[in-house]
PDB file of all heavy atoms in Angstrom:
ATOM      1  N   GLU A   1     -40.826 -15.706 -16.165  1.00  0.00           N
ATOM      2  CA  GLU A   1     -39.738 -15.619 -15.218  1.00  0.00           C
ATOM      3  C   GLU A   1     -38.715 -16.731 -15.487  1.00  0.00           C
ATOM      4  O   GLU A   1     -37.506 -16.566 -15.564  1.00  0.00           O
ATOM      5  CB  GLU A   1     -40.048 -15.701 -13.817  1.00  0.00           C
ATOM      6  CG  GLU A   1     -38.981 -15.743 -12.846  1.00  0.00           C
ATOM      7  CD  GLU A   1     -38.183 -14.410 -12.814  1.00  0.00           C
ATOM      8  OE1 GLU A   1     -38.760 -13.421 -13.254  1.00  0.00           O
ATOM      9  OE2 GLU A   1     -37.160 -14.482 -12.261  1.00  0.00           O
ATOM     10  N   GLY A   2     -39.233 -17.904 -15.992  1.00  0.00           N
ATOM     11  CA  GLY A   2     -38.413 -19.110 -16.260  1.00  0.00           C
ATOM     12  C   GLY A   2     -37.612 -18.754 -17.604  1.00  0.00           C
ATOM     13  O   GLY A   2     -36.383 -19.168 -17.740  1.00  0.00           O
ATOM     14  N   ARG A   3     -38.338 -18.153 -18.560  1.00  0.00           N
ATOM     15  CA  ARG A   3     -37.633 -17.769 -19.823  1.00  0.00           C
ATOM     16  C   ARG A   3     -36.672 -16.732 -19.596  1.00  0.00           C
ATOM     17  O   ARG A   3     -35.463 -16.955 -20.075  1.00  0.00           O
ATOM     18  CB  ARG A   3     -38.781 -17.315 -20.895  1.00  0.00           C
ATOM     19  CG  ARG A   3     -39.716 -18.246 -21.363  1.00  0.00           C
ATOM     20  CD  ARG A   3     -40.315 -17.764 -22.584  1.00  0.00           C
ATOM     21  NE  ARG A   3     -41.193 -16.603 -22.328  1.00  0.00           N
ATOM     22  CZ  ARG A   3     -42.420 -16.670 -21.928  1.00  0.00           C
ATOM     23  NH1 ARG A   3     -43.135 -17.864 -21.870  1.00  0.00           N
ATOM     24  NH2 ARG A   3     -43.188 -15.576 -21.643  1.00  0.00           N
ATOM     25  N   ARG A   4     -36.861 -15.775 -18.770  1.00  0.00           N
ATOM     26  CA  ARG A   4     -35.791 -14.784 -18.507  1.00  0.00           C
ATOM     27  C   ARG A   4     -34.698 -15.416 -17.856  1.00  0.00           C
ATOM     28  O   ARG A   4     -33.478 -15.017 -18.096  1.00  0.00           O
ATOM     29  CB  ARG A   4     -36.450 -13.667 -17.701  1.00  0.00           C
ATOM     30  CG  ARG A   4     -35.527 -12.411 -17.441  1.00  0.00           C
ATOM     31  CD  ARG A   4     -36.027 -11.549 -16.437  1.00  0.00           C
ATOM     32  NE  ARG A   4     -35.966 -12.295 -15.088  1.00  0.00           N
ATOM     33  CZ  ARG A   4     -34.800 -12.487 -14.439  1.00  0.00           C
ATOM     34  NH1 ARG A   4     -33.687 -12.076 -14.948  1.00  0.00           N
ATOM     35  NH2 ARG A   4     -34.826 -13.136 -13.264  1.00  0.00           N
ATOM     36  N   LYS A   5     -34.842 -16.072 -16.789  1.00  0.00           N
ATOM     37  CA  LYS A   5     -33.795 -16.734 -16.085  1.00  0.00           C
ATOM     38  C   LYS A   5     -32.922 -17.693 -16.864  1.00  0.00           C
ATOM     39  O   LYS A   5     -31.711 -17.695 -16.719  1.00  0.00           O
ATOM     40  CB  LYS A   5     -34.336 -17.502 -14.818  1.00  0.00           C
ATOM     41  CG  LYS A   5     -33.181 -17.893 -13.821  1.00  0.00           C
ATOM     42  CD  LYS A   5     -33.968 -18.530 -12.606  1.00  0.00           C
ATOM     43  CE  LYS A   5     -32.845 -19.018 -11.629  1.00  0.00           C
ATOM     44  NZ  LYS A   5     -33.405 -19.639 -10.446  1.00  0.00           N
ATOM     45  N   THR A   6     -33.616 -18.440 -17.630  1.00  0.00           N
ATOM     46  CA  THR A   6     -32.788 -19.345 -18.550  1.00  0.00           C
ATOM     47  C   THR A   6     -31.972 -18.672 -19.664  1.00  0.00           C
ATOM     48  O   THR A   6     -30.918 -19.005 -19.736  1.00  0.00           O
ATOM     49  CB  THR A   6     -33.805 -20.337 -19.173  1.00  0.00           C
ATOM     50  OG1 THR A   6     -34.554 -21.004 -18.270  1.00  0.00           O
ATOM     51  CG2 THR A   6     -32.999 -21.433 -20.042  1.00  0.00           C
ATOM     52  N   PHE A   7     -32.638 -17.711 -20.195  1.00  0.00           N
ATOM     53  CA  PHE A   7     -31.882 -16.997 -21.263  1.00  0.00           C
ATOM     54  C   PHE A   7     -30.777 -16.215 -20.725  1.00  0.00           C
ATOM     55  O   PHE A   7     -29.703 -15.946 -21.350  1.00  0.00           O
ATOM     56  CB  PHE A   7     -32.822 -15.969 -21.971  1.00  0.00           C
ATOM     57  CG  PHE A   7     -32.087 -15.312 -23.183  1.00  0.00           C
ATOM     58  CD1 PHE A   7     -31.897 -16.034 -24.313  1.00  0.00           C
ATOM     59  CD2 PHE A   7     -31.831 -13.987 -23.090  1.00  0.00           C
ATOM     60  CE1 PHE A   7     -31.284 -15.329 -25.445  1.00  0.00           C
ATOM     61  CE2 PHE A   7     -31.201 -13.285 -24.103  1.00  0.00           C
ATOM     62  CZ  PHE A   7     -30.945 -14.046 -25.257  1.00  0.00           C
ATOM     63  N   SER A   8     -30.871 -15.625 -19.353  1.00  0.00           N
ATOM     64  CA  SER A   8     -29.792 -14.794 -18.800  1.00  0.00           C
ATOM     65  C   SER A   8     -28.483 -15.653 -18.523  1.00  0.00           C
ATOM     66  O   SER A   8     -27.474 -15.137 -18.668  1.00  0.00           O
ATOM     67  CB  SER A   8     -30.282 -14.199 -17.451  1.00  0.00           C
ATOM     68  OG  SER A   8     -30.480 -15.332 -16.560  1.00  0.00           O
ATOM     69  N   THR A   9     -28.677 -17.002 -18.502  1.00  0.00           N
ATOM     70  CA  THR A   9     -27.497 -17.886 -18.276  1.00  0.00           C
ATOM     71  C   THR A   9     -26.794 -18.066 -19.602  1.00  0.00           C
ATOM     72  O   THR A   9     -25.626 -18.381 -19.672  1.00  0.00           O
ATOM     73  CB  THR A   9     -27.851 -19.264 -17.697  1.00  0.00           C
ATOM     74  OG1 THR A   9     -28.700 -19.850 -18.804  1.00  0.00           O
ATOM     75  CG2 THR A   9     -28.580 -19.099 -16.458  1.00  0.00           C
ATOM     76  N   CYS A  10     -27.429 -17.565 -20.673  1.00  0.00           N
ATOM     77  CA  CYS A  10     -26.808 -17.841 -22.061  1.00  0.00           C
ATOM     78  C   CYS A  10     -26.372 -16.530 -22.686  1.00  0.00           C
ATOM     79  O   CYS A  10     -25.470 -16.609 -23.705  1.00  0.00           O
ATOM     80  CB  CYS A  10     -27.769 -18.500 -22.983  1.00  0.00           C
ATOM     81  SG  CYS A  10     -28.497 -20.143 -22.452  1.00  0.00           S
ATOM     82  N   ALA A  11     -26.877 -15.391 -22.285  1.00  0.00           N
ATOM     83  CA  ALA A  11     -26.699 -14.120 -22.929  1.00  0.00           C
ATOM     84  C   ALA A  11     -25.229 -13.678 -22.922  1.00  0.00           C
ATOM     85  O   ALA A  11     -24.654 -13.290 -23.907  1.00  0.00           O
ATOM     86  CB  ALA A  11     -27.541 -12.983 -22.351  1.00  0.00           C
ATOM     87  N   SER A  12     -24.592 -13.930 -21.751  1.00  0.00           N
ATOM     88  CA  SER A  12     -23.071 -13.478 -21.579  1.00  0.00           C
ATOM     89  C   SER A  12     -22.232 -14.339 -22.557  1.00  0.00           C
ATOM     90  O   SER A  12     -21.351 -13.872 -23.162  1.00  0.00           O
ATOM     91  CB  SER A  12     -22.688 -13.597 -20.140  1.00  0.00           C
ATOM     92  OG  SER A  12     -23.357 -12.607 -19.382  1.00  0.00           O
ATOM     93  N   HIS A  13     -22.533 -15.595 -22.548  1.00  0.00           N
ATOM     94  CA  HIS A  13     -21.813 -16.521 -23.347  1.00  0.00           C
ATOM     95  C   HIS A  13     -21.948 -16.182 -24.792  1.00  0.00           C
ATOM     96  O   HIS A  13     -20.913 -16.222 -25.623  1.00  0.00           O
ATOM     97  CB  HIS A  13     -22.282 -17.982 -23.180  1.00  0.00           C
ATOM     98  CG  HIS A  13     -21.593 -19.079 -23.952  1.00  0.00           C
ATOM     99  ND1 HIS A  13     -22.127 -19.787 -24.926  1.00  0.00           N
ATOM    100  CD2 HIS A  13     -20.265 -19.443 -23.975  1.00  0.00           C
ATOM    101  CE1 HIS A  13     -21.229 -20.620 -25.511  1.00  0.00           C
ATOM    102  NE2 HIS A  13     -20.069 -20.405 -24.876  1.00  0.00           N
ATOM    103  N   LEU A  14     -23.076 -15.949 -25.268  1.00  0.00           N
ATOM    104  CA  LEU A  14     -23.344 -15.530 -26.558  1.00  0.00           C
ATOM    105  C   LEU A  14     -22.657 -14.231 -27.059  1.00  0.00           C
ATOM    106  O   LEU A  14     -21.944 -14.131 -28.089  1.00  0.00           O
ATOM    107  CB  LEU A  14     -24.884 -15.226 -26.943  1.00  0.00           C
ATOM    108  CG  LEU A  14     -25.742 -16.635 -27.280  1.00  0.00           C
ATOM    109  CD1 LEU A  14     -27.144 -16.184 -27.263  1.00  0.00           C
ATOM    110  CD2 LEU A  14     -25.325 -17.222 -28.567  1.00  0.00           C
ATOM    111  N   THR A  15     -22.580 -13.350 -26.124  1.00  0.00           N
ATOM    112  CA  THR A  15     -21.808 -11.999 -26.381  1.00  0.00           C
ATOM    113  C   THR A  15     -20.366 -12.359 -26.509  1.00  0.00           C
ATOM    114  O   THR A  15     -19.704 -11.717 -27.491  1.00  0.00           O
ATOM    115  CB  THR A  15     -21.993 -11.089 -25.126  1.00  0.00           C
ATOM    116  OG1 THR A  15     -23.426 -10.819 -24.996  1.00  0.00           O
ATOM    117  CG2 THR A  15     -21.253  -9.792 -25.380  1.00  0.00           C
ATOM    118  N   ALA A  16     -19.807 -13.171 -25.643  1.00  0.00           N
ATOM    119  CA  ALA A  16     -18.399 -13.492 -25.729  1.00  0.00           C
ATOM    120  C   ALA A  16     -17.952 -14.108 -26.966  1.00  0.00           C
ATOM    121  O   ALA A  16     -16.972 -14.032 -27.606  1.00  0.00           O
ATOM    122  CB  ALA A  16     -17.892 -14.310 -24.471  1.00  0.00           C
ATOM    123  N   VAL A  17     -18.905 -15.151 -27.374  1.00  0.00           N
ATOM    124  CA  VAL A  17     -18.774 -15.925 -28.577  1.00  0.00           C
ATOM    125  C   VAL A  17     -18.768 -15.037 -29.752  1.00  0.00           C
ATOM    126  O   VAL A  17     -17.832 -15.099 -30.655  1.00  0.00           O
ATOM    127  CB  VAL A  17     -19.834 -17.059 -28.712  1.00  0.00           C
ATOM    128  CG1 VAL A  17     -19.878 -17.552 -30.140  1.00  0.00           C
ATOM    129  CG2 VAL A  17     -19.633 -18.097 -27.687  1.00  0.00           C
ATOM    130  N   ALA A  18     -19.631 -14.129 -29.781  1.00  0.00           N
ATOM    131  CA  ALA A  18     -19.764 -13.161 -30.924  1.00  0.00           C
ATOM    132  C   ALA A  18     -18.520 -12.374 -31.173  1.00  0.00           C
ATOM    133  O   ALA A  18     -17.975 -12.121 -32.177  1.00  0.00           O
ATOM    134  CB  ALA A  18     -20.975 -12.349 -30.847  1.00  0.00           C
ATOM    135  N   ILE A  19     -17.959 -11.845 -30.014  1.00  0.00           N
ATOM    136  CA  ILE A  19     -16.697 -11.020 -29.990  1.00  0.00           C
ATOM    137  C   ILE A  19     -15.541 -11.894 -30.418  1.00  0.00           C
ATOM    138  O   ILE A  19     -14.803 -11.438 -31.268  1.00  0.00           O
ATOM    139  CB  ILE A  19     -16.427 -10.342 -28.659  1.00  0.00           C
ATOM    140  CG1 ILE A  19     -17.689  -9.454 -28.277  1.00  0.00           C
ATOM    141  CG2 ILE A  19     -15.151  -9.771 -28.538  1.00  0.00           C
ATOM    142  CD1 ILE A  19     -17.599  -8.952 -26.751  1.00  0.00           C
ATOM    143  N   PHE A  20     -15.414 -13.074 -29.836  1.00  0.00           N
ATOM    144  CA  PHE A  20     -14.308 -13.876 -30.128  1.00  0.00           C
ATOM    145  C   PHE A  20     -14.212 -14.333 -31.545  1.00  0.00           C
ATOM    146  O   PHE A  20     -13.340 -14.188 -32.277  1.00  0.00           O
ATOM    147  CB  PHE A  20     -14.238 -15.064 -29.220  1.00  0.00           C
ATOM    148  CG  PHE A  20     -13.007 -15.978 -29.371  1.00  0.00           C
ATOM    149  CD1 PHE A  20     -11.815 -15.649 -28.797  1.00  0.00           C
ATOM    150  CD2 PHE A  20     -13.038 -17.124 -30.113  1.00  0.00           C
ATOM    151  CE1 PHE A  20     -10.706 -16.525 -28.941  1.00  0.00           C
ATOM    152  CE2 PHE A  20     -11.968 -17.974 -30.325  1.00  0.00           C
ATOM    153  CZ  PHE A  20     -10.836 -17.652 -29.612  1.00  0.00           C
ATOM    154  N   HIS A  21     -15.334 -14.883 -32.020  1.00  0.00           N
ATOM    155  CA  HIS A  21     -15.447 -15.407 -33.369  1.00  0.00           C
ATOM    156  C   HIS A  21     -15.441 -14.361 -34.513  1.00  0.00           C
ATOM    157  O   HIS A  21     -14.883 -14.494 -35.451  1.00  0.00           O
ATOM    158  CB  HIS A  21     -16.582 -16.354 -33.504  1.00  0.00           C
ATOM    159  CG  HIS A  21     -16.498 -17.739 -32.996  1.00  0.00           C
ATOM    160  ND1 HIS A  21     -15.508 -18.655 -33.386  1.00  0.00           N
ATOM    161  CD2 HIS A  21     -17.040 -18.416 -31.958  1.00  0.00           C
ATOM    162  CE1 HIS A  21     -15.484 -19.700 -32.730  1.00  0.00           C
ATOM    163  NE2 HIS A  21     -16.486 -19.515 -31.749  1.00  0.00           N
ATOM    164  N   GLY A  22     -16.027 -13.271 -34.107  1.00  0.00           N
ATOM    165  CA  GLY A  22     -16.089 -12.164 -35.037  1.00  0.00           C
ATOM    166  C   GLY A  22     -14.704 -11.702 -35.340  1.00  0.00           C
ATOM    167  O   GLY A  22     -14.297 -11.321 -36.543  1.00  0.00           O
ATOM    168  N   THR A  23     -13.913 -11.501 -34.298  1.00  0.00           N
ATOM    169  CA  THR A  23     -12.499 -10.947 -34.474  1.00  0.00           C
ATOM    170  C   THR A  23     -11.693 -12.024 -35.264  1.00  0.00           C
ATOM    171  O   THR A  23     -10.793 -11.614 -36.040  1.00  0.00           O
ATOM    172  CB  THR A  23     -11.914 -10.874 -32.965  1.00  0.00           C
ATOM    173  OG1 THR A  23     -12.770  -9.958 -32.297  1.00  0.00           O
ATOM    174  CG2 THR A  23     -10.560 -10.084 -33.214  1.00  0.00           C
ATOM    175  N   LEU A  24     -11.963 -13.216 -34.895  1.00  0.00           N
ATOM    176  CA  LEU A  24     -11.144 -14.338 -35.704  1.00  0.00           C
ATOM    177  C   LEU A  24     -11.508 -14.358 -37.148  1.00  0.00           C
ATOM    178  O   LEU A  24     -10.506 -14.377 -37.979  1.00  0.00           O
ATOM    179  CB  LEU A  24     -11.418 -15.701 -35.109  1.00  0.00           C
ATOM    180  CG  LEU A  24     -10.791 -16.156 -33.821  1.00  0.00           C
ATOM    181  CD1 LEU A  24     -11.134 -17.577 -33.394  1.00  0.00           C
ATOM    182  CD2 LEU A  24      -9.278 -16.049 -33.888  1.00  0.00           C
ATOM    183  N   LEU A  25     -12.712 -14.192 -37.419  1.00  0.00           N
ATOM    184  CA  LEU A  25     -13.196 -14.150 -38.901  1.00  0.00           C
ATOM    185  C   LEU A  25     -12.553 -12.892 -39.492  1.00  0.00           C
ATOM    186  O   LEU A  25     -12.009 -13.033 -40.705  1.00  0.00           O
ATOM    187  CB  LEU A  25     -14.599 -14.082 -38.964  1.00  0.00           C
ATOM    188  CG  LEU A  25     -15.358 -15.421 -38.561  1.00  0.00           C
ATOM    189  CD1 LEU A  25     -16.917 -15.147 -38.522  1.00  0.00           C
ATOM    190  CD2 LEU A  25     -15.017 -16.550 -39.540  1.00  0.00           C
ATOM    191  N   PHE A  26     -12.626 -11.770 -38.870  1.00  0.00           N
ATOM    192  CA  PHE A  26     -11.986 -10.568 -39.416  1.00  0.00           C
ATOM    193  C   PHE A  26     -10.424 -10.684 -39.601  1.00  0.00           C
ATOM    194  O   PHE A  26      -9.940 -10.207 -40.573  1.00  0.00           O
ATOM    195  CB  PHE A  26     -12.223  -9.360 -38.316  1.00  0.00           C
ATOM    196  CG  PHE A  26     -11.584  -8.103 -38.802  1.00  0.00           C
ATOM    197  CD1 PHE A  26     -12.117  -7.262 -39.804  1.00  0.00           C
ATOM    198  CD2 PHE A  26     -10.373  -7.645 -38.174  1.00  0.00           C
ATOM    199  CE1 PHE A  26     -11.480  -6.221 -40.213  1.00  0.00           C
ATOM    200  CE2 PHE A  26      -9.790  -6.500 -38.499  1.00  0.00           C
ATOM    201  CZ  PHE A  26     -10.375  -5.746 -39.491  1.00  0.00           C
ATOM    202  N   MET A  27      -9.765 -11.413 -38.655  1.00  0.00           N
ATOM    203  CA  MET A  27      -8.189 -11.473 -38.896  1.00  0.00           C
ATOM    204  C   MET A  27      -7.793 -12.398 -39.848  1.00  0.00           C
ATOM    205  O   MET A  27      -6.907 -12.156 -40.525  1.00  0.00           O
ATOM    206  CB  MET A  27      -7.827 -11.882 -37.494  1.00  0.00           C
ATOM    207  CG  MET A  27      -7.760 -10.819 -36.411  1.00  0.00           C
ATOM    208  SD  MET A  27      -6.614  -9.455 -36.878  1.00  0.00           S
ATOM    209  CE  MET A  27      -5.011 -10.428 -36.925  1.00  0.00           C
ATOM    210  N   TYR A  28      -8.501 -13.567 -40.012  1.00  0.00           N
ATOM    211  CA  TYR A  28      -7.854 -14.639 -40.694  1.00  0.00           C
ATOM    212  C   TYR A  28      -8.540 -15.140 -42.061  1.00  0.00           C
ATOM    213  O   TYR A  28      -8.015 -15.882 -42.810  1.00  0.00           O
ATOM    214  CB  TYR A  28      -7.759 -15.922 -39.813  1.00  0.00           C
ATOM    215  CG  TYR A  28      -6.889 -15.687 -38.654  1.00  0.00           C
ATOM    216  CD1 TYR A  28      -7.368 -15.493 -37.310  1.00  0.00           C
ATOM    217  CD2 TYR A  28      -5.495 -15.601 -38.759  1.00  0.00           C
ATOM    218  CE1 TYR A  28      -6.544 -15.328 -36.136  1.00  0.00           C
ATOM    219  CE2 TYR A  28      -4.665 -15.413 -37.715  1.00  0.00           C
ATOM    220  CZ  TYR A  28      -5.226 -15.258 -36.482  1.00  0.00           C
ATOM    221  OH  TYR A  28      -4.382 -14.968 -35.382  1.00  0.00           O
ATOM    222  N   PHE A  29      -9.726 -14.599 -42.273  1.00  0.00           N
ATOM    223  CA  PHE A  29     -10.470 -14.977 -43.468  1.00  0.00           C
ATOM    224  C   PHE A  29     -10.576 -13.876 -44.476  1.00  0.00           C
ATOM    225  O   PHE A  29     -11.485 -13.622 -45.184  1.00  0.00           O
ATOM    226  CB  PHE A  29     -11.860 -15.564 -43.040  1.00  0.00           C
ATOM    227  CG  PHE A  29     -11.803 -16.902 -42.347  1.00  0.00           C
ATOM    228  CD1 PHE A  29     -11.559 -16.898 -40.891  1.00  0.00           C
ATOM    229  CD2 PHE A  29     -11.963 -18.032 -43.041  1.00  0.00           C
ATOM    230  CE1 PHE A  29     -11.614 -18.068 -40.311  1.00  0.00           C
ATOM    231  CE2 PHE A  29     -11.851 -19.252 -42.461  1.00  0.00           C
ATOM    232  CZ  PHE A  29     -11.602 -19.296 -41.018  1.00  0.00           C
ATOM    233  N   ARG A  30      -9.344 -13.372 -44.798  1.00  0.00           N
ATOM    234  CA  ARG A  30      -9.182 -12.498 -45.879  1.00  0.00           C
ATOM    235  C   ARG A  30      -7.849 -12.680 -46.638  1.00  0.00           C
ATOM    236  O   ARG A  30      -6.895 -13.217 -45.876  1.00  0.00           O
ATOM    237  CB  ARG A  30      -9.081 -11.043 -45.364  1.00  0.00           C
ATOM    238  CG  ARG A  30     -10.289 -10.567 -44.726  1.00  0.00           C
ATOM    239  CD  ARG A  30     -10.102  -9.176 -44.201  1.00  0.00           C
ATOM    240  NE  ARG A  30      -9.168  -9.276 -42.988  1.00  0.00           N
ATOM    241  CZ  ARG A  30      -8.410  -8.231 -42.564  1.00  0.00           C
ATOM    242  NH1 ARG A  30      -8.457  -7.108 -43.482  1.00  0.00           N
ATOM    243  NH2 ARG A  30      -7.605  -8.350 -41.646  1.00  0.00           N
ATOM    244  N   PRO A  31      -7.660 -12.479 -47.913  1.00  0.00           N
ATOM    245  CA  PRO A  31      -6.473 -12.633 -48.608  1.00  0.00           C
ATOM    246  C   PRO A  31      -5.451 -11.685 -48.014  1.00  0.00           C
ATOM    247  O   PRO A  31      -5.759 -10.591 -47.525  1.00  0.00           O
ATOM    248  CB  PRO A  31      -6.778 -12.353 -50.027  1.00  0.00           C
ATOM    249  CG  PRO A  31      -7.942 -11.496 -49.977  1.00  0.00           C
ATOM    250  CD  PRO A  31      -8.788 -12.041 -48.804  1.00  0.00           C
ATOM    251  N   SER A  32      -3.985 -12.042 -48.026  1.00  0.00           N
ATOM    252  CA  SER A  32      -3.002 -11.148 -47.441  1.00  0.00           C
ATOM    253  C   SER A  32      -3.007  -9.803 -48.090  1.00  0.00           C
ATOM    254  O   SER A  32      -2.581  -8.903 -47.459  1.00  0.00           O
ATOM    255  CB  SER A  32      -1.740 -11.950 -47.547  1.00  0.00           C
ATOM    256  OG  SER A  32      -1.446 -12.237 -48.911  1.00  0.00           O
ATOM    257  N   SER A  33      -3.370  -9.777 -49.351  1.00  0.00           N
ATOM    258  CA  SER A  33      -3.351  -8.496 -50.032  1.00  0.00           C
ATOM    259  C   SER A  33      -4.342  -7.331 -49.375  1.00  0.00           C
ATOM    260  O   SER A  33      -4.097  -6.229 -49.642  1.00  0.00           O
ATOM    261  CB  SER A  33      -3.705  -8.611 -51.510  1.00  0.00           C
ATOM    262  OG  SER A  33      -5.073  -9.092 -51.642  1.00  0.00           O
ATOM    263  N   SER A  34      -5.262  -7.814 -48.644  1.00  0.00           N
ATOM    264  CA  SER A  34      -6.290  -6.811 -48.059  1.00  0.00           C
ATOM    265  C   SER A  34      -5.877  -6.569 -46.569  1.00  0.00           C
ATOM    266  O   SER A  34      -6.624  -5.842 -45.904  1.00  0.00           O
ATOM    267  CB  SER A  34      -7.670  -7.492 -48.089  1.00  0.00           C
ATOM    268  OG  SER A  34      -7.839  -8.607 -47.292  1.00  0.00           O
TER     269      SER A  34
END
């Protein structure tokens, strides 16, 4: 129960981080020709 409760406080943050950083990497870390 402690593991579940502790991880639940982090899961949403991890999801948002993955979305935000994934989009930034997709947008800015390619040459302009692509």
